[in-house]
Amino acid sequence: MKPNMGSTDKIIRIILAIVIVGLFLTHVISGTLGIILLVLAGIFVLTSFISFCPLYLPFGISTCKKEK
């Protein structure tokens, strides 16, 4: 897997994951929606750590800086 996520993309995903978990723990979101968003937050964190987003691949998107 070739990395296709830049540092800004990773930071945004981690911040969104933290916000989702915070909203879930404070019971602002709950039930089925809360569980779905927690799974999404987990995916955000996982893809941030491995620097690869499978959804970018079919569209040819890469937020990594180009190497010269």
PDB file of N, CA and C in Angstrom:
ATOM      1  N   MET A   1       0.845  -1.182   0.000  1.00  0.00           N
ATOM      2  CA  MET A   1       0.000   0.000   0.000  1.00  0.00           C
ATOM      3  C   MET A   1       0.888   1.242   0.000  1.00  0.00           C
ATOM      4  N   LYS A   2       0.748   2.012  -1.026  1.00  0.00           N
ATOM      5  CA  LYS A   2       1.486   3.264  -1.135  1.00  0.00           C
ATOM      6  C   LYS A   2       0.715   4.346  -0.376  1.00  0.00           C
ATOM      7  N   PRO A   3       1.371   5.077   0.535  1.00  0.00           N
ATOM      8  CA  PRO A   3       0.663   6.124   1.279  1.00  0.00           C
ATOM      9  C   PRO A   3       0.026   7.145   0.343  1.00  0.00           C
ATOM     10  N   ASN A   4      -1.215   7.520   0.649  1.00  0.00           N
ATOM     11  CA  ASN A   4      -1.903   8.515  -0.164  1.00  0.00           C
ATOM     12  C   ASN A   4      -2.567   9.602   0.685  1.00  0.00           C
ATOM     13  N   MET A   5      -2.112   9.740   1.944  1.00  0.00           N
ATOM     14  CA  MET A   5      -2.673  10.750   2.837  1.00  0.00           C
ATOM     15  C   MET A   5      -1.563  11.655   3.356  1.00  0.00           C
ATOM     16  N   GLY A   6      -1.790  12.955   3.254  1.00  0.00           N
ATOM     17  CA  GLY A   6      -0.849  13.929   3.775  1.00  0.00           C
ATOM     18  C   GLY A   6      -1.093  14.199   5.249  1.00  0.00           C
ATOM     19  N   SER A   7      -0.211  14.978   5.844  1.00  0.00           N
ATOM     20  CA  SER A   7      -0.303  15.234   7.288  1.00  0.00           C
ATOM     21  C   SER A   7      -1.558  16.037   7.648  1.00  0.00           C
ATOM     22  N   THR A   8      -1.951  16.979   6.816  1.00  0.00           N
ATOM     23  CA  THR A   8      -3.161  17.762   7.103  1.00  0.00           C
ATOM     24  C   THR A   8      -4.392  16.869   7.093  1.00  0.00           C
ATOM     25  N   ASP A   9      -4.463  15.973   6.137  1.00  0.00           N
ATOM     26  CA  ASP A   9      -5.574  15.027   6.040  1.00  0.00           C
ATOM     27  C   ASP A   9      -5.640  14.155   7.295  1.00  0.00           C
ATOM     28  N   LYS A  10      -4.493  13.671   7.753  1.00  0.00           N
ATOM     29  CA  LYS A  10      -4.441  12.823   8.946  1.00  0.00           C
ATOM     30  C   LYS A  10      -4.887  13.587  10.189  1.00  0.00           C
ATOM     31  N   ILE A  11      -4.439  14.828  10.326  1.00  0.00           N
ATOM     32  CA  ILE A  11      -4.800  15.632  11.497  1.00  0.00           C
ATOM     33  C   ILE A  11      -6.307  15.897  11.525  1.00  0.00           C
ATOM     34  N   ILE A  12      -6.876  16.236  10.378  1.00  0.00           N
ATOM     35  CA  ILE A  12      -8.329  16.491  10.303  1.00  0.00           C
ATOM     36  C   ILE A  12      -9.110  15.249  10.689  1.00  0.00           C
ATOM     37  N   ARG A  13      -8.684  14.073  10.196  1.00  0.00           N
ATOM     38  CA  ARG A  13      -9.379  12.830  10.522  1.00  0.00           C
ATOM     39  C   ARG A  13      -9.307  12.516  12.022  1.00  0.00           C
ATOM     40  N   ILE A  14      -8.142  12.732  12.629  1.00  0.00           N
ATOM     41  CA  ILE A  14      -7.996  12.446  14.060  1.00  0.00           C
ATOM     42  C   ILE A  14      -8.844  13.411  14.885  1.00  0.00           C
ATOM     43  N   ILE A  15      -8.876  14.681  14.505  1.00  0.00           N
ATOM     44  CA  ILE A  15      -9.710  15.656  15.219  1.00  0.00           C
ATOM     45  C   ILE A  15     -11.186  15.278  15.104  1.00  0.00           C
ATOM     46  N   LEU A  16     -11.628  14.898  13.910  1.00  0.00           N
ATOM     47  CA  LEU A  16     -13.021  14.467  13.741  1.00  0.00           C
ATOM     48  C   LEU A  16     -13.336  13.240  14.600  1.00  0.00           C
ATOM     49  N   ALA A  17     -12.407  12.303  14.666  1.00  0.00           N
ATOM     50  CA  ALA A  17     -12.614  11.112  15.488  1.00  0.00           C
ATOM     51  C   ALA A  17     -12.749  11.484  16.959  1.00  0.00           C
ATOM     52  N   ILE A  18     -11.908  12.401  17.428  1.00  0.00           N
ATOM     53  CA  ILE A  18     -11.978  12.845  18.830  1.00  0.00           C
ATOM     54  C   ILE A  18     -13.310  13.529  19.109  1.00  0.00           C
ATOM     55  N   VAL A  19     -13.768  14.361  18.183  1.00  0.00           N
ATOM     56  CA  VAL A  19     -15.057  15.048  18.350  1.00  0.00           C
ATOM     57  C   VAL A  19     -16.201  14.035  18.404  1.00  0.00           C
ATOM     58  N   ILE A  20     -16.178  13.048  17.517  1.00  0.00           N
ATOM     59  CA  ILE A  20     -17.235  12.030  17.504  1.00  0.00           C
ATOM     60  C   ILE A  20     -17.267  11.252  18.814  1.00  0.00           C
ATOM     61  N   VAL A  21     -16.094  10.836  19.297  1.00  0.00           N
ATOM     62  CA  VAL A  21     -16.039  10.095  20.560  1.00  0.00           C
ATOM     63  C   VAL A  21     -16.519  10.977  21.707  1.00  0.00           C
ATOM     64  N   GLY A  22     -16.123  12.240  21.706  1.00  0.00           N
ATOM     65  CA  GLY A  22     -16.574  13.165  22.743  1.00  0.00           C
ATOM     66  C   GLY A  22     -18.082  13.342  22.748  1.00  0.00           C
ATOM     67  N   LEU A  23     -18.661  13.475  21.569  1.00  0.00           N
ATOM     68  CA  LEU A  23     -20.122  13.608  21.472  1.00  0.00           C
ATOM     69  C   LEU A  23     -20.833  12.342  21.934  1.00  0.00           C
ATOM     70  N   PHE A  24     -20.234  11.193  21.645  1.00  0.00           N
ATOM     71  CA  PHE A  24     -20.844   9.938  22.069  1.00  0.00           C
ATOM     72  C   PHE A  24     -20.775   9.804  23.596  1.00  0.00           C
ATOM     73  N   LEU A  25     -19.628  10.143  24.174  1.00  0.00           N
ATOM     74  CA  LEU A  25     -19.467  10.003  25.622  1.00  0.00           C
ATOM     75  C   LEU A  25     -20.318  10.988  26.409  1.00  0.00           C
ATOM     76  N   THR A  26     -20.644  12.131  25.815  1.00  0.00           N
ATOM     77  CA  THR A  26     -21.504  13.105  26.490  1.00  0.00           C
ATOM     78  C   THR A  26     -22.973  12.911  26.135  1.00  0.00           C
ATOM     79  N   HIS A  27     -23.282  11.824  25.427  1.00  0.00           N
ATOM     80  CA  HIS A  27     -24.648  11.431  25.058  1.00  0.00           C
ATOM     81  C   HIS A  27     -25.354  12.430  24.144  1.00  0.00           C
ATOM     82  N   VAL A  28     -24.585  13.204  23.400  1.00  0.00           N
ATOM     83  CA  VAL A  28     -25.189  14.080  22.399  1.00  0.00           C
ATOM     84  C   VAL A  28     -25.644  13.226  21.217  1.00  0.00           C
ATOM     85  N   ILE A  29     -24.844  12.229  20.874  1.00  0.00           N
ATOM     86  CA  ILE A  29     -25.260  11.236  19.880  1.00  0.00           C
ATOM     87  C   ILE A  29     -25.333   9.889  20.580  1.00  0.00           C
ATOM     88  N   SER A  30     -26.314   9.102  20.217  1.00  0.00           N
ATOM     89  CA  SER A  30     -26.473   7.801  20.873  1.00  0.00           C
ATOM     90  C   SER A  30     -27.212   6.852  19.934  1.00  0.00           C
ATOM     91  N   GLY A  31     -27.415   5.657  20.405  1.00  0.00           N
ATOM     92  CA  GLY A  31     -28.157   4.665  19.641  1.00  0.00           C
ATOM     93  C   GLY A  31     -27.395   4.184  18.420  1.00  0.00           C
ATOM     94  N   THR A  32     -28.141   3.838  17.403  1.00  0.00           N
ATOM     95  CA  THR A  32     -27.560   3.299  16.181  1.00  0.00           C
ATOM     96  C   THR A  32     -26.653   4.320  15.504  1.00  0.00           C
ATOM     97  N   LEU A  33     -27.085   5.576  15.455  1.00  0.00           N
ATOM     98  CA  LEU A  33     -26.259   6.622  14.853  1.00  0.00           C
ATOM     99  C   LEU A  33     -24.930   6.750  15.595  1.00  0.00           C
ATOM    100  N   GLY A  34     -24.981   6.691  16.915  1.00  0.00           N
ATOM    101  CA  GLY A  34     -23.762   6.788  17.712  1.00  0.00           C
ATOM    102  C   GLY A  34     -22.795   5.655  17.421  1.00  0.00           C
ATOM    103  N   ILE A  35     -23.313   4.454  17.295  1.00  0.00           N
ATOM    104  CA  ILE A  35     -22.459   3.293  17.009  1.00  0.00           C
ATOM    105  C   ILE A  35     -21.856   3.403  15.609  1.00  0.00           C
ATOM    106  N   ILE A  36     -22.658   3.817  14.650  1.00  0.00           N
ATOM    107  CA  ILE A  36     -22.149   3.982  13.282  1.00  0.00           C
ATOM    108  C   ILE A  36     -21.046   5.043  13.251  1.00  0.00           C
ATOM    109  N   LEU A  37     -21.258   6.156  13.943  1.00  0.00           N
ATOM    110  CA  LEU A  37     -20.244   7.206  13.973  1.00  0.00           C
ATOM    111  C   LEU A  37     -18.989   6.775  14.721  1.00  0.00           C
ATOM    112  N   LEU A  38     -19.133   5.948  15.758  1.00  0.00           N
ATOM    113  CA  LEU A  38     -17.949   5.418  16.453  1.00  0.00           C
ATOM    114  C   LEU A  38     -17.134   4.514  15.540  1.00  0.00           C
ATOM    115  N   VAL A  39     -17.801   3.714  14.736  1.00  0.00           N
ATOM    116  CA  VAL A  39     -17.097   2.868  13.765  1.00  0.00           C
ATOM    117  C   VAL A  39     -16.375   3.754  12.750  1.00  0.00           C
ATOM    118  N   LEU A  40     -17.045   4.792  12.284  1.00  0.00           N
ATOM    119  CA  LEU A  40     -16.422   5.732  11.357  1.00  0.00           C
ATOM    120  C   LEU A  40     -15.205   6.411  11.992  1.00  0.00           C
ATOM    121  N   ALA A  41     -15.313   6.782  13.261  1.00  0.00           N
ATOM    122  CA  ALA A  41     -14.184   7.391  13.967  1.00  0.00           C
ATOM    123  C   ALA A  41     -13.015   6.414  14.048  1.00  0.00           C
ATOM    124  N   GLY A  42     -13.308   5.143  14.305  1.00  0.00           N
ATOM    125  CA  GLY A  42     -12.258   4.128  14.340  1.00  0.00           C
ATOM    126  C   GLY A  42     -11.574   3.976  12.989  1.00  0.00           C
ATOM    127  N   ILE A  43     -12.357   4.025  11.923  1.00  0.00           N
ATOM    128  CA  ILE A  43     -11.790   3.945  10.569  1.00  0.00           C
ATOM    129  C   ILE A  43     -10.917   5.162  10.294  1.00  0.00           C
ATOM    130  N   PHE A  44     -11.369   6.348  10.724  1.00  0.00           N
ATOM    131  CA  PHE A  44     -10.562   7.558  10.553  1.00  0.00           C
ATOM    132  C   PHE A  44      -9.207   7.418  11.241  1.00  0.00           C
ATOM    133  N   VAL A  45      -9.211   6.933  12.477  1.00  0.00           N
ATOM    134  CA  VAL A  45      -7.953   6.782  13.221  1.00  0.00           C
ATOM    135  C   VAL A  45      -7.062   5.738  12.556  1.00  0.00           C
ATOM    136  N   LEU A  46      -7.635   4.610  12.171  1.00  0.00           N
ATOM    137  CA  LEU A  46      -6.856   3.551  11.531  1.00  0.00           C
ATOM    138  C   LEU A  46      -6.214   4.028  10.232  1.00  0.00           C
ATOM    139  N   THR A  47      -7.004   4.678   9.380  1.00  0.00           N
ATOM    140  CA  THR A  47      -6.447   5.147   8.112  1.00  0.00           C
ATOM    141  C   THR A  47      -5.412   6.253   8.331  1.00  0.00           C
ATOM    142  N   SER A  48      -5.561   7.030   9.393  1.00  0.00           N
ATOM    143  CA  SER A  48      -4.567   8.061   9.696  1.00  0.00           C
ATOM    144  C   SER A  48      -3.238   7.439  10.093  1.00  0.00           C
ATOM    145  N   PHE A  49      -3.280   6.378  10.880  1.00  0.00           N
ATOM    146  CA  PHE A  49      -2.038   5.744  11.318  1.00  0.00           C
ATOM    147  C   PHE A  49      -1.320   5.011  10.195  1.00  0.00           C
ATOM    148  N   ILE A  50      -2.063   4.439   9.253  1.00  0.00           N
ATOM    149  CA  ILE A  50      -1.396   3.719   8.168  1.00  0.00           C
ATOM    150  C   ILE A  50      -1.180   4.597   6.939  1.00  0.00           C
ATOM    151  N   SER A  51      -1.667   5.849   6.981  1.00  0.00           N
ATOM    152  CA  SER A  51      -1.491   6.834   5.905  1.00  0.00           C
ATOM    153  C   SER A  51      -2.041   6.357   4.563  1.00  0.00           C
ATOM    154  N   PHE A  52      -3.085   5.566   4.607  1.00  0.00           N
ATOM    155  CA  PHE A  52      -3.668   5.034   3.379  1.00  0.00           C
ATOM    156  C   PHE A  52      -5.181   5.017   3.506  1.00  0.00           C
ATOM    157  N   CYS A  53      -5.854   5.621   2.527  1.00  0.00           N
ATOM    158  CA  CYS A  53      -7.310   5.596   2.478  1.00  0.00           C
ATOM    159  C   CYS A  53      -7.730   4.825   1.235  1.00  0.00           C
ATOM    160  N   PRO A  54      -8.388   3.670   1.392  1.00  0.00           N
ATOM    161  CA  PRO A  54      -8.790   2.871   0.241  1.00  0.00           C
ATOM    162  C   PRO A  54      -9.788   3.586  -0.676  1.00  0.00           C
ATOM    163  N   LEU A  55     -10.562   4.514  -0.154  1.00  0.00           N
ATOM    164  CA  LEU A  55     -11.534   5.230  -0.989  1.00  0.00           C
ATOM    165  C   LEU A  55     -10.857   6.218  -1.933  1.00  0.00           C
ATOM    166  N   TYR A  56      -9.640   6.633  -1.634  1.00  0.00           N
ATOM    167  CA  TYR A  56      -8.911   7.541  -2.519  1.00  0.00           C
ATOM    168  C   TYR A  56      -8.414   6.814  -3.765  1.00  0.00           C
ATOM    169  N   LEU A  57      -8.166   5.525  -3.642  1.00  0.00           N
ATOM    170  CA  LEU A  57      -7.549   4.749  -4.721  1.00  0.00           C
ATOM    171  C   LEU A  57      -8.344   4.764  -6.037  1.00  0.00           C
ATOM    172  N   PRO A  58      -9.641   4.440  -6.049  1.00  0.00           N
ATOM    173  CA  PRO A  58     -10.367   4.418  -7.328  1.00  0.00           C
ATOM    174  C   PRO A  58     -10.463   5.789  -7.994  1.00  0.00           C
ATOM    175  N   PHE A  59     -10.394   6.853  -7.192  1.00  0.00           N
ATOM    176  CA  PHE A  59     -10.523   8.199  -7.741  1.00  0.00           C
ATOM    177  C   PHE A  59      -9.174   8.834  -8.054  1.00  0.00           C
ATOM    178  N   GLY A  60      -8.090   8.156  -7.704  1.00  0.00           N
ATOM    179  CA  GLY A  60      -6.759   8.675  -7.976  1.00  0.00           C
ATOM    180  C   GLY A  60      -6.384   9.862  -7.118  1.00  0.00           C
ATOM    181  N   ILE A  61      -6.992   9.973  -5.943  1.00  0.00           N
ATOM    182  CA  ILE A  61      -6.730  11.102  -5.050  1.00  0.00           C
ATOM    183  C   ILE A  61      -5.518  10.783  -4.179  1.00  0.00           C
ATOM    184  N   SER A  62      -4.671  11.773  -3.982  1.00  0.00           N
ATOM    185  CA  SER A  62      -3.551  11.664  -3.065  1.00  0.00           C
ATOM    186  C   SER A  62      -3.302  13.019  -2.445  1.00  0.00           C
ATOM    187  N   THR A  63      -3.291  13.088  -1.115  1.00  0.00           N
ATOM    188  CA  THR A  63      -3.019  14.338  -0.440  1.00  0.00           C
ATOM    189  C   THR A  63      -1.579  14.408   0.054  1.00  0.00           C
ATOM    190  N   CYS A  64      -0.774  13.430  -0.329  1.00  0.00           N
ATOM    191  CA  CYS A  64       0.654  13.445   0.016  1.00  0.00           C
ATOM    192  C   CYS A  64       1.357  14.494  -0.830  1.00  0.00           C
ATOM    193  N   LYS A  65       2.410  15.058  -0.245  1.00  0.00           N
ATOM    194  CA  LYS A  65       3.227  15.983  -1.026  1.00  0.00           C
ATOM    195  C   LYS A  65       4.001  15.188  -2.051  1.00  0.00           C
ATOM    196  N   LYS A  66       4.136  15.742  -3.219  1.00  0.00           N
ATOM    197  CA  LYS A  66       4.855  15.086  -4.308  1.00  0.00           C
ATOM    198  C   LYS A  66       6.353  15.148  -4.043  1.00  0.00           C
ATOM    199  N   GLU A  67       7.018  14.005  -4.229  1.00  0.00           N
ATOM    200  CA  GLU A  67       8.464  13.976  -4.090  1.00  0.00           C
ATOM    201  C   GLU A  67       9.101  14.416  -5.394  1.00  0.00           C
ATOM    202  N   LYS A  68      10.191  15.168  -5.265  1.00  0.00           N
ATOM    203  CA  LYS A  68      10.886  15.648  -6.481  1.00  0.00           C
ATOM    204  C   LYS A  68      11.967  14.696  -6.910  1.00  0.00           C
TER     205      LYS A  68
END
